[in-house]
Amino acid sequence: MTNEPKTPSLSIAVAVGENFAIGKNNQLLWHMPADLKFFKQTTSGHTVVMGRKTFDSVGKPLPNRRNIVITRDSSLKIDGVEVVNSLEEAIEITKNEEKPVFIVGGAEIYRQALPKTNSLYLTTIHHTFDADTFFPAIDRNEWETVSSEPHKADEKNKYDYTFEVLKRK
């Protein structure tokens, strides 16, 4: 038996445009109720980890989830949120979690977390967006597609989109 430190199972939940765009001016690029519902169903009851700018764009702790915010500001206090100063610290305080811990943004947190991640819950919005923030490119050879659900645009969702679950090979 090894004495490796225990780490949580890390998953990423992200919606991207076809060019891996995720935001502009600290805002989402689309309003897709189906993706919001998928995100809520996927992460509800789990711990979510996000950067401070992502938290600011959301504006409040996500309900029915343990919320952890990463910031360089060691004096920051947010009601209903655990504040840490690094991804490593977030991983450390979630090491005993039984359920996967979800990384939910933003770009820098995704970049740091991607090599440590076991699963991707990826929504691809089938449109190329003008953006200033992008998800890191993923090498599809490193991932196995567990599920893929394509959907057509409708009266509530302006763009075609696909929900995928990918597991690291």
N, C-alpha and C. Protein backbone atom coordinates (compact mmCIF):
# COMPACT_ATOMS: atom_id res chain seq x y z
N MET A 1 0.84 -1.18 0.00
CA MET A 1 0.00 0.00 0.00
C MET A 1 0.88 1.24 0.00
N THR A 2 0.49 2.21 -0.86
CA THR A 2 1.31 3.41 -0.95
C THR A 2 0.84 4.45 0.06
N ASN A 3 1.73 5.34 0.39
CA ASN A 3 1.41 6.42 1.31
C ASN A 3 1.28 7.74 0.58
N GLU A 4 0.78 7.68 -0.65
CA GLU A 4 0.60 8.93 -1.40
C GLU A 4 -0.46 9.77 -0.71
N PRO A 5 -0.28 11.11 -0.74
CA PRO A 5 -1.31 11.94 -0.14
C PRO A 5 -2.63 11.77 -0.88
N LYS A 6 -3.70 11.78 -0.12
CA LYS A 6 -5.02 11.63 -0.72
C LYS A 6 -5.38 12.92 -1.46
N THR A 7 -5.92 12.77 -2.66
CA THR A 7 -6.38 13.94 -3.40
C THR A 7 -7.80 13.67 -3.88
N PRO A 8 -8.59 14.74 -4.01
CA PRO A 8 -9.96 14.53 -4.48
C PRO A 8 -9.95 14.18 -5.97
N SER A 9 -11.04 13.60 -6.43
CA SER A 9 -11.23 13.41 -7.86
C SER A 9 -11.64 14.76 -8.43
N LEU A 10 -10.81 15.32 -9.31
CA LEU A 10 -11.09 16.63 -9.87
C LEU A 10 -11.78 16.51 -11.22
N SER A 11 -12.83 17.30 -11.38
CA SER A 11 -13.54 17.40 -12.65
C SER A 11 -13.61 18.87 -13.03
N ILE A 12 -13.71 19.12 -14.31
CA ILE A 12 -13.91 20.48 -14.80
C ILE A 12 -15.28 20.54 -15.44
N ALA A 13 -16.03 21.58 -15.12
CA ALA A 13 -17.29 21.88 -15.80
C ALA A 13 -17.08 23.19 -16.54
N VAL A 14 -17.24 23.15 -17.86
CA VAL A 14 -16.99 24.36 -18.66
C VAL A 14 -17.85 24.33 -19.91
N ALA A 15 -18.25 25.52 -20.33
CA ALA A 15 -18.89 25.70 -21.63
C ALA A 15 -17.94 26.55 -22.48
N VAL A 16 -17.72 26.10 -23.71
CA VAL A 16 -16.78 26.79 -24.60
C VAL A 16 -17.43 27.00 -25.96
N GLY A 17 -16.98 28.05 -26.64
CA GLY A 17 -17.33 28.20 -28.05
C GLY A 17 -16.44 27.27 -28.86
N GLU A 18 -16.68 27.20 -30.17
CA GLU A 18 -15.87 26.32 -31.00
C GLU A 18 -14.40 26.73 -31.02
N ASN A 19 -14.10 27.98 -30.72
CA ASN A 19 -12.72 28.47 -30.65
C ASN A 19 -12.20 28.44 -29.20
N PHE A 20 -12.87 27.66 -28.33
CA PHE A 20 -12.52 27.53 -26.91
C PHE A 20 -12.72 28.83 -26.13
N ALA A 21 -13.47 29.77 -26.70
CA ALA A 21 -13.81 31.01 -26.01
C ALA A 21 -14.68 30.71 -24.80
N ILE A 22 -14.39 31.40 -23.67
CA ILE A 22 -15.24 31.24 -22.49
C ILE A 22 -15.75 32.56 -21.94
N GLY A 23 -15.17 33.69 -22.36
CA GLY A 23 -15.66 34.94 -21.80
C GLY A 23 -15.07 36.16 -22.46
N LYS A 24 -15.68 37.29 -22.14
CA LYS A 24 -15.17 38.60 -22.56
C LYS A 24 -15.59 39.61 -21.51
N ASN A 25 -14.63 40.43 -21.08
CA ASN A 25 -14.89 41.44 -20.05
C ASN A 25 -15.53 40.82 -18.80
N ASN A 26 -15.03 39.64 -18.42
CA ASN A 26 -15.48 38.91 -17.23
C ASN A 26 -16.97 38.56 -17.28
N GLN A 27 -17.48 38.33 -18.49
CA GLN A 27 -18.87 37.93 -18.67
C GLN A 27 -18.93 36.72 -19.60
N LEU A 28 -19.98 35.90 -19.42
CA LEU A 28 -20.22 34.82 -20.37
C LEU A 28 -20.57 35.41 -21.73
N LEU A 29 -20.37 34.65 -22.77
CA LEU A 29 -20.59 35.12 -24.14
C LEU A 29 -21.97 34.77 -24.67
N TRP A 30 -22.73 34.00 -23.92
CA TRP A 30 -24.02 33.52 -24.39
C TRP A 30 -24.95 33.34 -23.19
N HIS A 31 -26.23 33.25 -23.49
CA HIS A 31 -27.21 32.87 -22.47
C HIS A 31 -27.88 31.60 -22.99
N MET A 32 -27.52 30.48 -22.38
CA MET A 32 -28.01 29.17 -22.82
C MET A 32 -28.65 28.48 -21.61
N PRO A 33 -29.97 28.62 -21.43
CA PRO A 33 -30.62 27.99 -20.28
C PRO A 33 -30.36 26.49 -20.18
N ALA A 34 -30.26 25.80 -21.30
CA ALA A 34 -30.00 24.35 -21.25
C ALA A 34 -28.64 24.07 -20.62
N ASP A 35 -27.64 24.89 -20.93
CA ASP A 35 -26.32 24.69 -20.33
C ASP A 35 -26.34 25.02 -18.85
N LEU A 36 -27.05 26.07 -18.46
CA LEU A 36 -27.15 26.41 -17.04
C LEU A 36 -27.80 25.26 -16.26
N LYS A 37 -28.82 24.65 -16.84
CA LYS A 37 -29.49 23.51 -16.21
C LYS A 37 -28.53 22.32 -16.11
N PHE A 38 -27.79 22.04 -17.19
CA PHE A 38 -26.81 20.95 -17.19
C PHE A 38 -25.75 21.19 -16.11
N PHE A 39 -25.25 22.44 -16.02
CA PHE A 39 -24.25 22.80 -15.02
C PHE A 39 -24.80 22.58 -13.61
N LYS A 40 -26.01 23.04 -13.38
CA LYS A 40 -26.62 22.90 -12.05
C LYS A 40 -26.79 21.43 -11.69
N GLN A 41 -27.32 20.62 -12.63
CA GLN A 41 -27.51 19.19 -12.36
C GLN A 41 -26.17 18.49 -12.10
N THR A 42 -25.15 18.88 -12.85
CA THR A 42 -23.84 18.24 -12.75
C THR A 42 -23.14 18.56 -11.44
N THR A 43 -23.22 19.83 -11.00
CA THR A 43 -22.41 20.27 -9.86
C THR A 43 -23.18 20.32 -8.54
N SER A 44 -24.50 20.25 -8.57
CA SER A 44 -25.30 20.34 -7.35
C SER A 44 -24.90 19.22 -6.38
N GLY A 45 -24.72 19.58 -5.11
CA GLY A 45 -24.33 18.60 -4.11
C GLY A 45 -22.83 18.34 -4.07
N HIS A 46 -22.07 19.03 -4.90
CA HIS A 46 -20.61 18.85 -4.95
C HIS A 46 -19.91 20.13 -4.47
N THR A 47 -18.62 20.04 -4.30
CA THR A 47 -17.80 21.22 -4.06
C THR A 47 -17.45 21.84 -5.41
N VAL A 48 -17.54 23.18 -5.49
CA VAL A 48 -17.11 23.90 -6.68
C VAL A 48 -15.98 24.84 -6.28
N VAL A 49 -14.97 24.89 -7.15
CA VAL A 49 -13.80 25.73 -6.93
C VAL A 49 -13.71 26.71 -8.10
N MET A 50 -13.58 27.99 -7.77
CA MET A 50 -13.50 29.01 -8.82
C MET A 50 -12.56 30.12 -8.39
N GLY A 51 -12.09 30.85 -9.38
CA GLY A 51 -11.29 32.04 -9.10
C GLY A 51 -12.18 33.18 -8.64
N ARG A 52 -11.56 34.20 -8.07
CA ARG A 52 -12.31 35.33 -7.55
C ARG A 52 -13.06 36.09 -8.62
N LYS A 53 -12.45 36.27 -9.80
CA LYS A 53 -13.15 36.99 -10.86
C LYS A 53 -14.38 36.22 -11.33
N THR A 54 -14.28 34.90 -11.39
CA THR A 54 -15.45 34.09 -11.74
C THR A 54 -16.51 34.25 -10.67
N PHE A 55 -16.10 34.21 -9.40
CA PHE A 55 -17.07 34.42 -8.33
C PHE A 55 -17.74 35.78 -8.47
N ASP A 56 -16.95 36.82 -8.76
CA ASP A 56 -17.52 38.16 -8.93
C ASP A 56 -18.55 38.19 -10.05
N SER A 57 -18.29 37.45 -11.14
CA SER A 57 -19.24 37.45 -12.25
C SER A 57 -20.52 36.70 -11.89
N VAL A 58 -20.42 35.69 -11.01
CA VAL A 58 -21.60 34.95 -10.55
C VAL A 58 -22.35 35.80 -9.52
N GLY A 59 -21.60 36.44 -8.62
CA GLY A 59 -22.18 37.39 -7.69
C GLY A 59 -22.60 36.84 -6.34
N LYS A 60 -22.68 35.52 -6.20
CA LYS A 60 -23.10 34.94 -4.92
C LYS A 60 -22.67 33.48 -4.89
N PRO A 61 -22.62 32.89 -3.70
CA PRO A 61 -22.29 31.46 -3.64
C PRO A 61 -23.35 30.65 -4.39
N LEU A 62 -22.91 29.61 -5.08
CA LEU A 62 -23.85 28.73 -5.78
C LEU A 62 -24.57 27.86 -4.76
N PRO A 63 -25.91 27.83 -4.82
CA PRO A 63 -26.66 27.09 -3.82
C PRO A 63 -26.45 25.58 -3.91
N ASN A 64 -26.60 24.90 -2.77
CA ASN A 64 -26.49 23.45 -2.67
C ASN A 64 -25.11 22.93 -3.09
N ARG A 65 -24.09 23.76 -2.88
CA ARG A 65 -22.70 23.38 -3.19
C ARG A 65 -21.77 24.00 -2.15
N ARG A 66 -20.70 23.32 -1.86
CA ARG A 66 -19.62 23.92 -1.07
C ARG A 66 -18.85 24.80 -2.05
N ASN A 67 -18.75 26.08 -1.76
CA ASN A 67 -18.10 27.05 -2.64
C ASN A 67 -16.72 27.40 -2.10
N ILE A 68 -15.70 27.23 -2.95
CA ILE A 68 -14.34 27.61 -2.61
C ILE A 68 -13.87 28.60 -3.67
N VAL A 69 -13.36 29.75 -3.21
CA VAL A 69 -12.87 30.78 -4.12
C VAL A 69 -11.38 30.94 -3.91
N ILE A 70 -10.65 30.94 -5.03
CA ILE A 70 -9.20 31.13 -5.00
C ILE A 70 -8.90 32.59 -5.31
N THR A 71 -8.10 33.23 -4.45
CA THR A 71 -7.69 34.61 -4.66
C THR A 71 -6.29 34.83 -4.11
N ARG A 72 -5.60 35.81 -4.67
CA ARG A 72 -4.29 36.18 -4.12
C ARG A 72 -4.46 37.07 -2.88
N ASP A 73 -5.66 37.65 -2.71
CA ASP A 73 -5.95 38.56 -1.60
C ASP A 73 -6.19 37.75 -0.33
N SER A 74 -5.17 37.65 0.52
CA SER A 74 -5.28 36.80 1.71
C SER A 74 -6.22 37.39 2.77
N SER A 75 -6.66 38.63 2.60
CA SER A 75 -7.58 39.22 3.58
C SER A 75 -9.04 39.12 3.14
N LEU A 76 -9.31 38.60 1.95
CA LEU A 76 -10.68 38.55 1.43
C LEU A 76 -11.54 37.59 2.25
N LYS A 77 -12.71 38.06 2.64
CA LYS A 77 -13.70 37.23 3.33
C LYS A 77 -15.00 37.36 2.56
N ILE A 78 -15.67 36.21 2.30
CA ILE A 78 -16.95 36.21 1.58
C ILE A 78 -17.90 35.31 2.35
N ASP A 79 -19.06 35.84 2.72
CA ASP A 79 -20.05 35.03 3.44
C ASP A 79 -20.46 33.83 2.60
N GLY A 80 -20.47 32.66 3.23
CA GLY A 80 -20.92 31.43 2.57
C GLY A 80 -19.90 30.81 1.65
N VAL A 81 -18.66 31.30 1.71
CA VAL A 81 -17.61 30.83 0.80
C VAL A 81 -16.33 30.58 1.60
N GLU A 82 -15.62 29.52 1.25
CA GLU A 82 -14.29 29.30 1.80
C GLU A 82 -13.29 29.95 0.85
N VAL A 83 -12.42 30.79 1.38
CA VAL A 83 -11.46 31.51 0.56
C VAL A 83 -10.08 30.90 0.78
N VAL A 84 -9.41 30.56 -0.34
CA VAL A 84 -8.05 30.02 -0.29
C VAL A 84 -7.17 30.82 -1.24
N ASN A 85 -5.86 30.61 -1.15
CA ASN A 85 -4.94 31.41 -1.94
C ASN A 85 -4.28 30.67 -3.09
N SER A 86 -4.64 29.39 -3.31
CA SER A 86 -4.06 28.65 -4.43
C SER A 86 -4.92 27.44 -4.75
N LEU A 87 -4.75 26.93 -5.95
CA LEU A 87 -5.42 25.69 -6.32
C LEU A 87 -4.96 24.56 -5.42
N GLU A 88 -3.68 24.53 -5.08
CA GLU A 88 -3.14 23.49 -4.21
C GLU A 88 -3.83 23.50 -2.86
N GLU A 89 -4.09 24.71 -2.33
CA GLU A 89 -4.79 24.82 -1.05
C GLU A 89 -6.23 24.31 -1.18
N ALA A 90 -6.88 24.62 -2.29
CA ALA A 90 -8.25 24.13 -2.53
C ALA A 90 -8.25 22.59 -2.59
N ILE A 91 -7.26 22.02 -3.26
CA ILE A 91 -7.16 20.57 -3.34
C ILE A 91 -6.92 19.98 -1.96
N GLU A 92 -6.06 20.62 -1.19
CA GLU A 92 -5.75 20.13 0.16
C GLU A 92 -6.99 20.10 1.05
N ILE A 93 -7.80 21.15 1.02
CA ILE A 93 -8.96 21.18 1.93
C ILE A 93 -10.13 20.33 1.43
N THR A 94 -10.01 19.80 0.21
CA THR A 94 -11.07 18.93 -0.32
C THR A 94 -10.60 17.48 -0.44
N LYS A 95 -9.44 17.16 0.12
CA LYS A 95 -8.85 15.84 -0.11
C LYS A 95 -9.69 14.69 0.41
N ASN A 96 -10.58 14.95 1.35
CA ASN A 96 -11.42 13.87 1.88
C ASN A 96 -12.80 13.82 1.26
N GLU A 97 -13.03 14.61 0.24
CA GLU A 97 -14.33 14.60 -0.45
C GLU A 97 -14.56 13.24 -1.09
N GLU A 98 -15.76 12.70 -0.91
CA GLU A 98 -16.11 11.42 -1.54
C GLU A 98 -16.53 11.62 -3.00
N LYS A 99 -17.18 12.75 -3.27
CA LYS A 99 -17.66 13.05 -4.62
C LYS A 99 -16.62 13.89 -5.36
N PRO A 100 -16.65 13.87 -6.69
CA PRO A 100 -15.73 14.74 -7.44
C PRO A 100 -15.88 16.21 -7.05
N VAL A 101 -14.77 16.90 -7.07
CA VAL A 101 -14.71 18.35 -6.85
C VAL A 101 -14.67 19.00 -8.23
N PHE A 102 -15.52 20.00 -8.45
CA PHE A 102 -15.62 20.63 -9.76
C PHE A 102 -14.88 21.96 -9.81
N ILE A 103 -14.00 22.08 -10.78
CA ILE A 103 -13.35 23.34 -11.11
C ILE A 103 -14.28 24.04 -12.10
N VAL A 104 -14.70 25.27 -11.78
CA VAL A 104 -15.72 25.94 -12.61
C VAL A 104 -15.25 27.29 -13.16
N GLY A 105 -13.97 27.56 -13.16
CA GLY A 105 -13.47 28.77 -13.81
C GLY A 105 -12.63 29.62 -12.87
N GLY A 106 -12.01 30.57 -13.43
CA GLY A 106 -11.93 30.95 -14.83
C GLY A 106 -10.72 30.37 -15.52
N ALA A 107 -10.28 31.10 -16.55
CA ALA A 107 -9.26 30.58 -17.46
C ALA A 107 -7.97 30.15 -16.75
N GLU A 108 -7.47 30.96 -15.84
CA GLU A 108 -6.21 30.64 -15.16
C GLU A 108 -6.38 29.42 -14.25
N ILE A 109 -7.51 29.33 -13.57
CA ILE A 109 -7.77 28.17 -12.70
C ILE A 109 -7.91 26.92 -13.57
N TYR A 110 -8.62 27.04 -14.69
CA TYR A 110 -8.72 25.90 -15.63
C TYR A 110 -7.33 25.46 -16.09
N ARG A 111 -6.48 26.43 -16.46
CA ARG A 111 -5.14 26.11 -16.97
C ARG A 111 -4.35 25.34 -15.91
N GLN A 112 -4.42 25.78 -14.66
CA GLN A 112 -3.69 25.10 -13.58
C GLN A 112 -4.28 23.72 -13.29
N ALA A 113 -5.61 23.61 -13.37
CA ALA A 113 -6.28 22.38 -12.96
C ALA A 113 -6.29 21.29 -14.03
N LEU A 114 -6.25 21.68 -15.30
CA LEU A 114 -6.43 20.70 -16.38
C LEU A 114 -5.50 19.50 -16.26
N PRO A 115 -4.20 19.68 -16.00
CA PRO A 115 -3.33 18.49 -15.89
C PRO A 115 -3.67 17.57 -14.72
N LYS A 116 -4.38 18.08 -13.72
CA LYS A 116 -4.72 17.30 -12.52
C LYS A 116 -6.13 16.70 -12.61
N THR A 117 -6.84 16.98 -13.69
CA THR A 117 -8.26 16.67 -13.80
C THR A 117 -8.50 15.27 -14.35
N ASN A 118 -9.50 14.57 -13.76
CA ASN A 118 -9.87 13.24 -14.20
C ASN A 118 -10.98 13.26 -15.25
N SER A 119 -11.89 14.25 -15.15
CA SER A 119 -13.08 14.30 -16.02
C SER A 119 -13.34 15.72 -16.48
N LEU A 120 -13.89 15.82 -17.69
CA LEU A 120 -14.34 17.10 -18.23
C LEU A 120 -15.83 16.98 -18.53
N TYR A 121 -16.59 17.92 -18.01
CA TYR A 121 -18.01 18.06 -18.36
C TYR A 121 -18.03 19.28 -19.28
N LEU A 122 -18.03 18.99 -20.56
CA LEU A 122 -17.77 20.00 -21.58
C LEU A 122 -19.02 20.28 -22.39
N THR A 123 -19.45 21.54 -22.37
CA THR A 123 -20.51 21.98 -23.27
C THR A 123 -19.84 22.77 -24.37
N THR A 124 -20.03 22.34 -25.60
CA THR A 124 -19.52 23.10 -26.74
C THR A 124 -20.69 23.83 -27.38
N ILE A 125 -20.57 25.14 -27.42
CA ILE A 125 -21.56 25.98 -28.10
C ILE A 125 -21.06 26.11 -29.54
N HIS A 126 -21.85 25.66 -30.48
CA HIS A 126 -21.38 25.58 -31.87
C HIS A 126 -21.48 26.93 -32.58
N HIS A 127 -20.55 27.79 -32.16
CA HIS A 127 -20.43 29.13 -32.72
C HIS A 127 -19.03 29.62 -32.36
N THR A 128 -18.45 30.47 -33.19
CA THR A 128 -17.16 31.08 -32.88
C THR A 128 -17.43 32.47 -32.32
N PHE A 129 -16.93 32.73 -31.13
CA PHE A 129 -17.22 33.97 -30.42
C PHE A 129 -16.00 34.89 -30.37
N ASP A 130 -16.27 36.19 -30.35
CA ASP A 130 -15.26 37.19 -30.06
C ASP A 130 -15.05 37.17 -28.55
N ALA A 131 -13.84 36.90 -28.11
CA ALA A 131 -13.60 36.72 -26.68
C ALA A 131 -12.22 37.24 -26.30
N ASP A 132 -12.03 37.42 -25.00
CA ASP A 132 -10.70 37.75 -24.50
C ASP A 132 -10.21 36.70 -23.50
N THR A 133 -11.04 35.67 -23.27
CA THR A 133 -10.69 34.61 -22.32
C THR A 133 -11.03 33.26 -22.94
N PHE A 134 -10.07 32.33 -22.83
CA PHE A 134 -10.21 31.05 -23.52
C PHE A 134 -9.87 29.90 -22.58
N PHE A 135 -10.53 28.76 -22.81
CA PHE A 135 -10.18 27.51 -22.15
C PHE A 135 -8.95 26.95 -22.84
N PRO A 136 -8.03 26.33 -22.09
CA PRO A 136 -6.85 25.75 -22.76
C PRO A 136 -7.28 24.66 -23.75
N ALA A 137 -6.58 24.59 -24.86
CA ALA A 137 -6.87 23.53 -25.85
C ALA A 137 -6.64 22.17 -25.19
N ILE A 138 -7.51 21.23 -25.53
CA ILE A 138 -7.34 19.89 -24.98
C ILE A 138 -6.92 18.94 -26.10
N ASP A 139 -6.06 18.01 -25.75
CA ASP A 139 -5.62 16.99 -26.68
C ASP A 139 -6.62 15.83 -26.59
N ARG A 140 -7.45 15.68 -27.59
CA ARG A 140 -8.50 14.65 -27.56
C ARG A 140 -7.92 13.24 -27.44
N ASN A 141 -6.64 13.06 -27.78
CA ASN A 141 -6.02 11.75 -27.64
C ASN A 141 -5.84 11.35 -26.17
N GLU A 142 -5.88 12.33 -25.26
CA GLU A 142 -5.72 12.06 -23.83
C GLU A 142 -7.04 11.74 -23.15
N TRP A 143 -8.14 11.86 -23.89
CA TRP A 143 -9.47 11.76 -23.29
C TRP A 143 -10.33 10.75 -24.03
N GLU A 144 -11.16 10.06 -23.27
CA GLU A 144 -12.13 9.13 -23.82
C GLU A 144 -13.51 9.77 -23.65
N THR A 145 -14.29 9.78 -24.73
CA THR A 145 -15.64 10.32 -24.64
C THR A 145 -16.56 9.29 -24.01
N VAL A 146 -17.12 9.63 -22.84
CA VAL A 146 -18.02 8.75 -22.11
C VAL A 146 -19.45 8.93 -22.63
N SER A 147 -19.80 10.19 -22.88
CA SER A 147 -21.13 10.48 -23.42
C SER A 147 -21.06 11.75 -24.26
N SER A 148 -21.97 11.82 -25.23
CA SER A 148 -22.05 13.00 -26.11
C SER A 148 -23.51 13.16 -26.53
N GLU A 149 -24.06 14.34 -26.23
CA GLU A 149 -25.46 14.62 -26.54
C GLU A 149 -25.56 15.90 -27.36
N PRO A 150 -25.69 15.79 -28.69
CA PRO A 150 -25.87 17.01 -29.49
C PRO A 150 -27.30 17.53 -29.39
N HIS A 151 -27.43 18.84 -29.42
CA HIS A 151 -28.75 19.50 -29.34
C HIS A 151 -28.81 20.62 -30.38
N LYS A 152 -29.98 20.82 -30.92
CA LYS A 152 -30.22 21.91 -31.87
C LYS A 152 -30.65 23.16 -31.12
N ALA A 153 -30.36 24.30 -31.72
CA ALA A 153 -30.84 25.57 -31.18
C ALA A 153 -32.36 25.52 -31.11
N ASP A 154 -32.92 26.28 -30.16
CA ASP A 154 -34.37 26.36 -30.05
C ASP A 154 -34.74 27.78 -29.60
N GLU A 155 -35.99 27.98 -29.22
CA GLU A 155 -36.42 29.34 -28.87
C GLU A 155 -35.72 29.88 -27.63
N LYS A 156 -35.21 29.00 -26.76
CA LYS A 156 -34.51 29.46 -25.55
C LYS A 156 -32.99 29.43 -25.68
N ASN A 157 -32.48 28.59 -26.57
CA ASN A 157 -31.04 28.40 -26.73
C ASN A 157 -30.66 28.75 -28.16
N LYS A 158 -29.96 29.87 -28.31
CA LYS A 158 -29.73 30.48 -29.62
C LYS A 158 -28.84 29.65 -30.55
N TYR A 159 -27.96 28.84 -29.98
CA TYR A 159 -26.97 28.12 -30.78
C TYR A 159 -27.15 26.61 -30.61
N ASP A 160 -26.72 25.85 -31.63
CA ASP A 160 -26.58 24.40 -31.46
C ASP A 160 -25.51 24.17 -30.39
N TYR A 161 -25.62 23.08 -29.65
CA TYR A 161 -24.66 22.80 -28.59
C TYR A 161 -24.57 21.30 -28.36
N THR A 162 -23.47 20.89 -27.72
CA THR A 162 -23.25 19.48 -27.40
C THR A 162 -22.76 19.37 -25.96
N PHE A 163 -23.41 18.49 -25.19
CA PHE A 163 -22.92 18.14 -23.86
C PHE A 163 -22.06 16.91 -24.01
N GLU A 164 -20.83 16.96 -23.47
CA GLU A 164 -19.95 15.80 -23.46
C GLU A 164 -19.40 15.55 -22.08
N VAL A 165 -19.17 14.29 -21.76
CA VAL A 165 -18.42 13.92 -20.58
C VAL A 165 -17.20 13.16 -21.09
N LEU A 166 -16.03 13.66 -20.71
CA LEU A 166 -14.76 13.05 -21.12
C LEU A 166 -14.01 12.58 -19.87
N LYS A 167 -13.41 11.41 -19.96
CA LYS A 167 -12.57 10.89 -18.86
C LYS A 167 -11.14 10.77 -19.40
N ARG A 168 -10.21 11.09 -18.52
CA ARG A 168 -8.79 10.98 -18.90
C ARG A 168 -8.46 9.51 -19.13
N LYS A 169 -7.76 9.22 -20.22
CA LYS A 169 -7.38 7.82 -20.55
C LYS A 169 -6.30 7.34 -19.60
